[in-house]
Amino acid sequence: MKICLAILVLFASLSQLIVAVEPVPSESQNLKKGKSFTLAVLPDTQFYCDVRHKLSKKWGNGDLRRYFFEQTRWVRDNQKRLNIAFLAHEGDIVQGDVPEEWAIAKEAMSVLDGKVPYCMCLGNHDIGYEKADNKYGFNIAVNRTTHFNKYFPREKFAKRKEFGGTFDPDRHDNSWYHFEAAGMNFLIVSLECKPRNKVLEWANKIVAGHPEHRVIVLTHAYMRANGKRIDKLGYKIKGNAGEEMWRKLVSKHENIFMVLCGHSSGEAVLTSKGDHGNQVHQVLSDYQNLNNGGESWLRYMVFEPNENKIKVYTYNPALDKFRDQPSSRFDLEYHMVKSK
C-alpha cells in the first residue's frame, strides 16, 4: 500500500512538472507575440541640400534644408510610437557632389544617430560631378568619384551593430545592413546608382550567404513612374539599369521580397514573380518635382505580421498631412506568419 501511494505521489509530481514546462514556441507563435514595426523611407532629398546650384530658386526659395531636418526629426521623434526599426534613404542625397551640400546632409542624417539605424544609397546626383557650360552649370555621374565617403565614412558605420559590410573595404558606396524585428531577421543591401557587374556579383553572394534573412534591395534608379523597370539609363558611368538588376540579382533569390528606389519623379509599385515563385514588391517614391522639391514628403511602411501585410503611408511632416490617393496609401501582401 505504501509503495502504491509513493508511486501515485511520484506520478502526480511528474504530471505537475510536465505541465509547468512551457513548450518551445513555433515561429508563428513568436510572430503573434511580436508587435508591428515600421521601415521609414526617405526619397530624393537633393533640393533640400541645394545651396550652391540653387535650382530650387524656381520655388522662390533657394534654401530648403529645413525639409530634410523635418524628415529626420519626425522619424526620430516617432521612433517609439511607430516602432521604427530602420530607415532607408533612396539616393540623390545632394544636388551636386560638393562639400557644402554634403555638410547639410550629414547634419540632417546625424539627427538619427543613436536613435534610428539607417543606410543610404548613392544616386546619380551624388557622384561624378563636374562643372559644365549648360543650363545647370554642371554634369553628374560622369564617373564614380564622390565626397560621400568623407561625410558618411565606412569606419563610423562599421561600429554599429546593424552594419554588415561593404563591397570595398575602404568605401561605403555599396553596403549591407541587418536588423531584427518581430522575431524576423532582415537584411538591406544598398547598391550604387547603375551598379557594376562586380557589385551585383558581390550582392548575390551576400544574399545567398544569408538565406534566413528577408532581403530588401535599396538602389536609386530602378523603375519609372509608369511601373516598368528601367531598361536603359544614361550617364557616362557604366553599369546595370533596373531590368538588368532584376535579371542578374533580384529575381534569383527566394528571400528577396522588396526593392526600394527613387530617381523617377512619381510613385509606382510593380509586383513580379521571382525565379523561385516568390513575390517581389518593387516600390518607387520620388517627390522632388513637387512644390519646394518635395516639401518633406516621405514614406513609412508598417509591417503587420499577424495580417501578413505591409501598410504603406506617404506623409509630410512639415505640413502634417497624408497623401491618400491609391498610389500613396496602399497595402502590400507579404507572408510573415507561417501557417501550421
Protein backbone atom coordinates (compact mmCIF):
# COMPACT_ATOMS: atom_id res chain seq x y z
CA MET A 1 0.00 0.00 0.00
CA LYS A 2 2.82 2.38 0.89
CA ILE A 3 4.52 1.55 -2.41
CA CYS A 4 1.33 2.34 -4.34
CA LEU A 5 0.93 5.64 -2.54
CA ALA A 6 4.55 6.52 -3.28
CA ILE A 7 4.04 5.75 -6.96
CA LEU A 8 0.91 7.90 -7.06
CA VAL A 9 2.73 10.80 -5.38
CA LEU A 10 5.64 10.44 -7.82
CA PHE A 11 3.25 10.34 -10.79
CA ALA A 12 1.45 13.44 -9.56
CA SER A 13 4.76 15.27 -9.13
CA LEU A 14 5.84 14.32 -12.66
CA SER A 15 2.48 15.49 -14.00
CA GLN A 16 2.95 18.88 -12.34
CA LEU A 17 6.47 19.09 -13.73
CA ILE A 18 5.28 18.31 -17.25
CA VAL A 19 2.51 20.93 -17.03
CA ALA A 20 4.98 23.50 -15.70
CA VAL A 21 7.36 23.11 -18.65
CA GLU A 22 6.47 25.53 -21.47
CA PRO A 23 6.62 24.05 -24.98
CA VAL A 24 9.13 25.66 -27.34
CA PRO A 25 7.13 28.27 -29.28
CA SER A 26 6.94 27.96 -33.05
CA GLU A 27 7.95 30.82 -35.35
CA SER A 28 4.24 31.51 -35.85
CA GLN A 29 3.71 31.87 -32.11
CA ASN A 30 6.72 34.16 -31.78
CA LEU A 31 5.45 36.41 -34.54
CA LYS A 32 1.99 36.61 -32.99
CA LYS A 33 3.59 37.89 -29.80
CA GLY A 34 5.65 40.44 -31.75
CA LYS A 35 4.06 43.81 -32.41
CA SER A 36 4.07 45.63 -35.71
CA PHE A 37 7.14 47.61 -36.72
CA THR A 38 7.99 50.29 -39.26
CA LEU A 39 10.53 50.88 -42.01
CA ALA A 40 10.99 54.58 -42.81
CA VAL A 41 11.97 55.62 -46.34
CA LEU A 42 13.46 58.94 -47.47
CA PRO A 43 13.08 59.69 -51.19
CA ASP A 44 15.41 62.05 -53.09
CA THR A 45 16.49 64.94 -50.85
CA GLN A 46 18.63 66.72 -53.47
CA PHE A 47 16.72 70.02 -53.44
CA TYR A 48 16.92 70.27 -49.65
CA CYS A 49 20.73 70.42 -49.92
CA ASP A 50 20.81 72.66 -52.99
CA VAL A 51 22.64 75.74 -51.68
CA ARG A 52 25.34 76.04 -54.35
CA HIS A 53 23.46 75.34 -57.57
CA LYS A 54 20.19 76.91 -56.44
CA LEU A 55 17.97 75.06 -58.89
CA SER A 56 15.41 75.29 -56.11
CA LYS A 57 15.01 79.01 -56.83
CA LYS A 58 12.12 78.13 -59.12
CA TRP A 59 10.01 77.77 -55.99
CA GLY A 60 11.07 81.21 -54.76
CA ASN A 61 13.34 79.97 -52.00
CA GLY A 62 16.95 78.97 -52.54
CA ASP A 63 17.46 77.19 -49.20
CA LEU A 64 15.13 74.29 -48.45
CA ARG A 65 17.25 72.40 -45.93
CA ARG A 66 14.56 72.73 -43.28
CA TYR A 67 12.58 69.99 -45.04
CA PHE A 68 15.42 67.49 -44.67
CA PHE A 69 15.54 68.24 -40.95
CA GLU A 70 11.75 67.98 -40.69
CA GLN A 71 12.02 64.45 -42.07
CA THR A 72 14.76 63.13 -39.82
CA ARG A 73 13.42 64.83 -36.68
CA TRP A 74 9.98 63.36 -37.32
CA VAL A 75 11.43 59.86 -37.73
CA ARG A 76 13.46 60.27 -34.55
CA ASP A 77 10.55 61.66 -32.55
CA ASN A 78 8.14 58.94 -33.71
CA GLN A 79 10.51 56.00 -33.32
CA LYS A 80 8.78 54.63 -30.25
CA ARG A 81 5.22 55.37 -31.36
CA LEU A 82 5.64 53.59 -34.69
CA ASN A 83 8.36 51.17 -33.55
CA ILE A 84 10.63 52.33 -36.37
CA ALA A 85 13.26 49.62 -36.77
CA PHE A 86 15.26 51.11 -39.64
CA LEU A 87 15.41 53.95 -42.19
CA ALA A 88 16.49 53.67 -45.83
CA HIS A 89 17.50 56.67 -47.99
CA GLU A 90 16.84 56.09 -51.70
CA GLY A 91 19.65 58.27 -53.07
CA ASP A 92 20.17 61.64 -54.74
CA ILE A 93 21.05 62.77 -51.29
CA VAL A 94 22.51 66.03 -52.65
CA GLN A 95 22.04 68.10 -55.81
CA GLY A 96 25.73 68.01 -56.69
CA ASP A 97 28.75 66.33 -55.17
CA VAL A 98 30.17 69.38 -53.37
CA PRO A 99 31.23 69.80 -49.72
CA GLU A 100 28.65 72.39 -48.63
CA GLU A 101 25.77 70.18 -49.75
CA TRP A 102 27.18 67.06 -48.10
CA ALA A 103 27.60 69.05 -44.89
CA ILE A 104 23.84 69.69 -44.83
CA ALA A 105 23.10 66.01 -45.48
CA LYS A 106 25.46 64.92 -42.74
CA GLU A 107 23.89 67.26 -40.20
CA ALA A 108 20.34 66.22 -41.14
CA MET A 109 21.05 62.48 -41.06
CA SER A 110 23.02 62.77 -37.81
CA VAL A 111 19.73 63.58 -36.08
CA LEU A 112 19.11 59.82 -36.28
CA ASP A 113 22.44 58.73 -34.80
CA GLY A 114 21.91 56.56 -31.75
CA LYS A 115 18.13 56.74 -32.26
CA VAL A 116 17.19 55.01 -35.53
CA PRO A 117 19.62 52.88 -37.57
CA TYR A 118 19.85 53.85 -41.23
CA CYS A 119 21.61 53.25 -44.52
CA MET A 120 21.86 55.26 -47.73
CA CYS A 121 22.42 54.54 -51.41
CA LEU A 122 24.10 56.82 -53.93
CA GLY A 123 22.14 58.43 -56.74
CA ASN A 124 23.31 59.96 -60.00
CA HIS A 125 23.48 63.40 -58.36
CA ASP A 126 25.78 62.09 -55.64
CA ILE A 127 28.65 61.05 -57.92
CA GLY A 128 30.84 62.17 -60.81
CA TYR A 129 30.35 65.94 -60.55
CA GLU A 130 31.96 68.38 -62.98
CA LYS A 131 31.29 71.98 -63.95
CA ALA A 132 29.82 72.41 -67.40
CA ASP A 133 28.60 75.05 -69.81
CA ASN A 134 24.96 74.02 -69.83
CA LYS A 135 21.70 75.28 -68.34
CA TYR A 136 22.53 73.63 -65.00
CA GLY A 137 26.18 74.62 -64.87
CA PHE A 138 27.32 71.09 -64.08
CA ASN A 139 27.25 67.47 -65.18
CA ILE A 140 26.67 64.45 -62.95
CA ALA A 141 27.56 60.75 -62.95
CA VAL A 142 30.47 61.17 -65.34
CA ASN A 143 32.43 58.83 -63.04
CA ARG A 144 32.12 57.33 -59.55
CA THR A 145 34.08 59.87 -57.51
CA THR A 146 32.13 61.22 -54.53
CA HIS A 147 32.53 63.13 -51.26
CA PHE A 148 30.03 60.74 -49.67
CA ASN A 149 32.76 58.69 -48.02
CA LYS A 150 34.18 61.75 -46.28
CA TYR A 151 30.86 62.77 -44.74
CA PHE A 152 29.49 59.24 -44.18
CA PRO A 153 32.70 57.24 -43.66
CA ARG A 154 32.71 53.48 -43.52
CA GLU A 155 34.61 53.45 -40.21
CA LYS A 156 31.81 55.40 -38.48
CA PHE A 157 29.10 52.97 -39.54
CA ALA A 158 31.23 49.84 -39.10
CA LYS A 159 30.96 50.37 -35.33
CA ARG A 160 27.18 49.91 -35.40
CA LYS A 161 25.57 46.57 -34.63
CA GLU A 162 23.42 46.79 -37.76
CA PHE A 163 26.43 47.10 -40.06
CA GLY A 164 27.14 44.03 -42.16
CA GLY A 165 29.89 45.02 -44.57
CA THR A 166 30.81 46.79 -47.79
CA PHE A 167 31.85 45.87 -51.31
CA ASP A 168 35.05 47.89 -50.96
CA PRO A 169 36.89 47.66 -47.62
CA ASP A 170 37.72 51.38 -47.74
CA ARG A 171 34.48 52.81 -49.09
CA HIS A 172 30.81 52.97 -48.07
CA ASP A 173 29.28 53.23 -51.57
CA ASN A 174 27.87 49.68 -51.56
CA SER A 175 26.94 48.20 -48.21
CA TRP A 176 24.66 45.81 -46.39
CA TYR A 177 22.90 46.14 -43.06
CA HIS A 178 20.74 43.86 -40.96
CA PHE A 179 18.17 44.21 -38.19
CA GLU A 180 15.70 42.06 -36.25
CA ALA A 181 12.03 42.85 -35.77
CA ALA A 182 9.01 40.79 -34.65
CA GLY A 183 11.10 37.64 -34.49
CA MET A 184 12.32 38.01 -38.08
CA ASN A 185 15.77 38.77 -39.49
CA PHE A 186 16.01 41.40 -42.22
CA LEU A 187 18.88 42.39 -44.50
CA ILE A 188 19.15 45.52 -46.64
CA VAL A 189 21.71 45.55 -49.43
CA SER A 190 22.41 49.10 -50.62
CA LEU A 191 23.69 49.43 -54.18
CA GLU A 192 25.26 52.28 -56.14
CA CYS A 193 23.45 54.00 -59.00
CA LYS A 194 23.71 51.84 -62.12
CA PRO A 195 25.60 49.10 -60.24
CA ARG A 196 28.52 47.43 -61.99
CA ASN A 197 28.56 43.69 -62.67
CA LYS A 198 31.15 43.08 -59.97
CA VAL A 199 28.93 44.86 -57.44
CA LEU A 200 25.96 42.68 -58.40
CA GLU A 201 28.16 39.59 -58.06
CA TRP A 202 29.08 40.75 -54.54
CA ALA A 203 25.42 41.38 -53.71
CA ASN A 204 24.48 37.90 -54.95
CA LYS A 205 26.99 36.39 -52.53
CA ILE A 206 25.71 38.45 -49.61
CA VAL A 207 22.09 37.47 -50.23
CA ALA A 208 22.89 33.81 -50.88
CA GLY A 209 25.00 33.70 -47.72
CA HIS A 210 22.05 34.80 -45.56
CA PRO A 211 19.16 32.51 -46.56
CA GLU A 212 17.49 33.00 -43.16
CA HIS A 213 17.22 36.77 -43.72
CA ARG A 214 14.39 38.56 -45.51
CA VAL A 215 16.09 40.85 -48.03
CA ILE A 216 15.36 44.36 -49.29
CA VAL A 217 17.37 45.74 -52.21
CA LEU A 218 17.92 49.50 -51.93
CA THR A 219 19.08 51.31 -55.07
CA HIS A 220 18.46 54.66 -56.71
CA ALA A 221 17.45 54.27 -60.37
CA TYR A 222 15.47 51.05 -60.90
CA MET A 223 11.99 51.77 -62.24
CA ARG A 224 9.89 54.52 -63.77
CA ALA A 225 6.64 56.10 -62.62
CA ASN A 226 4.80 54.03 -65.25
CA GLY A 227 5.55 50.95 -63.16
CA LYS A 228 8.12 49.45 -65.53
CA ARG A 229 11.73 48.69 -64.74
CA ILE A 230 14.27 50.96 -66.44
CA ASP A 231 15.82 49.18 -69.40
CA LYS A 232 18.26 51.92 -70.39
CA LEU A 233 19.82 54.52 -68.13
CA GLY A 234 22.02 57.32 -69.42
CA TYR A 235 25.11 58.94 -67.87
CA LYS A 236 28.74 58.13 -68.61
CA ILE A 237 29.14 55.61 -65.81
CA LYS A 238 28.92 52.00 -66.94
CA GLY A 239 26.65 49.57 -65.15
CA ASN A 240 23.22 47.97 -64.98
CA ALA A 241 19.77 49.53 -65.24
CA GLY A 242 16.72 48.16 -63.43
CA GLU A 243 15.81 45.41 -65.89
CA GLU A 244 19.35 44.04 -65.78
CA MET A 245 19.36 44.26 -61.98
CA TRP A 246 16.16 42.22 -61.91
CA ARG A 247 17.65 39.55 -64.14
CA LYS A 248 21.11 39.40 -62.58
CA LEU A 249 20.21 39.77 -58.88
CA VAL A 250 16.67 40.43 -57.68
CA SER A 251 14.83 37.58 -59.40
CA LYS A 252 17.43 34.96 -58.45
CA HIS A 253 16.84 34.77 -54.69
CA GLU A 254 13.81 33.41 -52.87
CA ASN A 255 14.44 35.61 -49.82
CA ILE A 256 14.38 38.95 -51.70
CA PHE A 257 10.89 40.39 -51.23
CA MET A 258 11.27 44.12 -51.93
CA VAL A 259 13.17 46.72 -53.95
CA LEU A 260 13.12 50.38 -52.88
CA CYS A 261 14.10 53.11 -55.34
CA GLY A 262 13.79 56.79 -56.22
CA HIS A 263 15.15 58.82 -59.19
CA SER A 264 11.99 58.83 -61.35
CA SER A 265 9.63 61.52 -60.16
CA GLY A 266 6.36 59.98 -59.00
CA GLU A 267 5.05 56.83 -57.35
CA ALA A 268 4.72 53.27 -58.61
CA VAL A 269 4.52 49.66 -57.45
CA LEU A 270 5.44 46.64 -59.54
CA THR A 271 4.98 43.15 -58.09
CA SER A 272 6.82 40.46 -60.01
CA LYS A 273 7.41 36.75 -59.50
CA GLY A 274 10.99 35.68 -58.91
CA ASP A 275 12.66 32.53 -60.23
CA HIS A 276 11.57 30.62 -57.11
CA GLY A 277 7.93 31.70 -57.35
CA ASN A 278 8.32 34.35 -54.66
CA GLN A 279 6.61 37.72 -54.95
CA VAL A 280 8.89 40.77 -55.12
CA HIS A 281 7.37 44.20 -54.48
CA GLN A 282 9.31 46.93 -56.32
CA VAL A 283 8.36 50.31 -54.91
CA LEU A 284 9.20 53.76 -56.29
CA SER A 285 8.79 57.05 -54.45
CA ASP A 286 10.23 60.40 -55.52
CA TYR A 287 8.68 63.81 -54.80
CA GLN A 288 11.45 66.17 -55.99
CA ASN A 289 9.23 67.78 -58.65
CA LEU A 290 6.52 68.73 -56.18
CA ASN A 291 6.43 72.15 -54.52
CA ASN A 292 9.69 73.06 -52.76
CA GLY A 293 11.46 69.97 -54.05
CA GLY A 294 9.18 67.61 -52.18
CA GLU A 295 8.48 69.75 -49.13
CA SER A 296 9.41 66.83 -46.79
CA TRP A 297 7.16 64.08 -48.24
CA LEU A 298 8.40 60.69 -47.06
CA ARG A 299 7.25 57.10 -46.84
CA TYR A 300 6.79 54.79 -43.90
CA MET A 301 5.90 51.13 -44.16
CA VAL A 302 4.19 49.40 -41.25
CA PHE A 303 4.80 45.65 -41.17
CA GLU A 304 1.82 43.84 -39.63
CA PRO A 305 2.95 40.21 -39.08
CA ASN A 306 -0.43 38.92 -37.93
CA GLU A 307 -2.12 40.32 -41.04
CA ASN A 308 0.69 39.34 -43.42
CA LYS A 309 0.59 42.88 -44.78
CA ILE A 310 2.88 45.87 -45.21
CA LYS A 311 0.84 49.07 -44.90
CA VAL A 312 2.42 51.91 -46.86
CA TYR A 313 1.83 55.54 -45.90
CA THR A 314 3.01 58.75 -47.58
CA TYR A 315 3.32 61.57 -45.07
CA ASN A 316 4.53 65.16 -44.95
CA PRO A 317 5.88 66.12 -41.51
CA ALA A 318 6.28 69.80 -42.43
CA LEU A 319 2.63 70.10 -43.43
CA ASP A 320 1.37 67.32 -41.14
CA LYS A 321 -0.74 65.65 -43.78
CA PHE A 322 -1.00 62.42 -45.76
CA ARG A 323 -1.33 61.67 -49.47
CA ASP A 324 -4.38 59.43 -49.72
CA GLN A 325 -4.58 58.50 -53.39
CA PRO A 326 -4.18 54.78 -54.23
CA SER A 327 -0.56 55.23 -55.35
CA SER A 328 0.33 56.81 -51.99
CA ARG A 329 -1.64 54.77 -49.44
CA PHE A 330 -1.78 51.04 -50.13
CA ASP A 331 -1.15 47.62 -48.63
CA LEU A 332 1.31 45.01 -49.86
CA GLU A 333 0.69 41.34 -49.22
CA TYR A 334 3.73 39.77 -47.57
CA HIS A 335 3.74 36.40 -45.81
CA MET A 336 5.24 36.68 -42.34
CA VAL A 337 3.27 34.24 -40.15
CA LYS A 338 3.74 30.62 -41.18
CA SER A 339 0.61 28.54 -41.33
CA LYS A 340 0.59 25.49 -39.06
